[in-house]
Amino acid sequence: MQIDIYTSPLCGFCTIAKNLLLKKGVEFTEYDVLNDPSLKPVMLKRANGAHTVPQIFINDHHIGGWNELFSLDQAGKLDKVLMAK
């Protein structure tokens, strides 16, 4: 499983999203768009123009941001997504 999360160190929702993923026991690759601005166009392309952080991808599927990740978890669907290969 590959989880990518585009973040900024100034973003509280990024921290919360990363903490949720850590709580779930999954590893992820973090891309800090503030410290490496060359990552922002990559994120924009992958996220179909979404420009806020976090932007979360699981197995190249765009989940969205914190709200979408939280909604998946609240609906009991996040664990299923994380278990899928």
Protein backbone atom coordinates (compact mmCIF):
# COMPACT_ATOMS: atom_id res chain seq x y z
CA MET A 1 0.00 0.00 0.00
CA GLN A 2 1.22 3.47 -0.87
CA ILE A 3 -0.09 6.49 1.01
CA ASP A 4 1.06 9.95 -0.03
CA ILE A 5 0.15 13.08 1.90
CA TYR A 6 0.99 16.59 0.80
CA THR A 7 1.39 18.88 3.79
CA SER A 8 2.70 22.11 5.23
CA PRO A 9 4.22 22.47 8.70
CA LEU A 10 1.84 25.40 9.34
CA CYS A 11 -1.26 23.28 8.73
CA GLY A 12 -3.12 21.96 11.77
CA PHE A 13 -5.36 19.73 9.62
CA CYS A 14 -2.20 18.13 8.17
CA THR A 15 -1.03 17.23 11.66
CA ILE A 16 -4.42 15.78 12.57
CA ALA A 17 -4.55 13.74 9.34
CA LYS A 18 -1.04 12.37 9.89
CA ASN A 19 -1.92 11.49 13.49
CA LEU A 20 -5.01 9.59 12.36
CA LEU A 21 -2.96 7.61 9.84
CA LEU A 22 -0.32 6.89 12.49
CA LYS A 23 -3.07 5.77 14.89
CA LYS A 24 -4.26 3.38 12.18
CA GLY A 25 -0.72 1.95 12.08
CA VAL A 26 -0.05 2.74 8.43
CA GLU A 27 3.06 4.23 6.93
CA PHE A 28 2.88 7.17 4.57
CA THR A 29 5.14 9.37 2.52
CA GLU A 30 4.89 13.03 3.39
CA TYR A 31 5.54 15.76 0.85
CA ASP A 32 6.06 19.19 2.43
CA VAL A 33 4.96 21.74 -0.18
CA LEU A 34 6.10 24.71 1.91
CA ASN A 35 9.71 23.58 2.25
CA ASP A 36 9.85 22.22 -1.31
CA PRO A 37 7.69 24.45 -3.53
CA SER A 38 8.45 22.27 -6.57
CA LEU A 39 6.03 19.72 -5.07
CA LYS A 40 3.04 22.08 -5.27
CA PRO A 41 2.48 21.70 -9.05
CA VAL A 42 2.74 17.92 -8.66
CA MET A 43 0.11 18.02 -5.92
CA LEU A 44 -2.15 20.29 -7.98
CA LYS A 45 -1.99 17.93 -10.94
CA ARG A 46 -2.58 14.79 -8.88
CA ALA A 47 -5.41 16.45 -6.93
CA ASN A 48 -7.14 17.84 -10.02
CA GLY A 49 -6.42 21.42 -9.01
CA ALA A 50 -7.10 21.15 -5.28
CA HIS A 51 -4.69 23.63 -3.76
CA THR A 52 -5.17 23.26 -0.01
CA VAL A 53 -3.28 20.88 2.23
CA PRO A 54 -3.45 18.17 3.21
CA GLN A 55 -4.08 16.27 0.00
CA ILE A 56 -4.15 12.54 0.62
CA PHE A 57 -3.70 9.69 -1.85
CA ILE A 58 -4.07 5.99 -1.10
CA ASN A 59 -2.74 3.71 -3.84
CA ASP A 60 -2.84 6.66 -6.26
CA HIS A 61 -6.54 7.23 -5.49
CA HIS A 62 -7.20 10.82 -4.44
CA ILE A 63 -8.98 10.72 -1.10
CA GLY A 64 -9.04 14.50 -0.70
CA GLY A 65 -8.20 16.48 2.40
CA TRP A 66 -8.79 16.13 6.12
CA ASN A 67 -12.58 16.40 5.84
CA GLU A 68 -12.77 13.52 3.38
CA LEU A 69 -10.35 11.38 5.40
CA PHE A 70 -12.32 12.06 8.59
CA SER A 71 -15.63 11.31 6.86
CA LEU A 72 -14.29 7.97 5.62
CA ASP A 73 -13.19 7.10 9.14
CA GLN A 74 -16.48 8.17 10.73
CA ALA A 75 -18.41 6.08 8.20
CA GLY A 76 -16.29 3.04 9.07
CA LYS A 77 -14.85 2.91 5.56
CA LEU A 78 -11.27 4.09 6.14
CA ASP A 79 -10.07 0.78 7.58
CA LYS A 80 -11.42 -1.04 4.52
CA VAL A 81 -9.64 1.40 2.20
CA LEU A 82 -6.41 0.96 4.17
CA MET A 83 -6.68 -2.84 4.02
CA ALA A 84 -7.23 -2.92 0.25
CA LYS A 85 -4.17 -3.67 -1.79
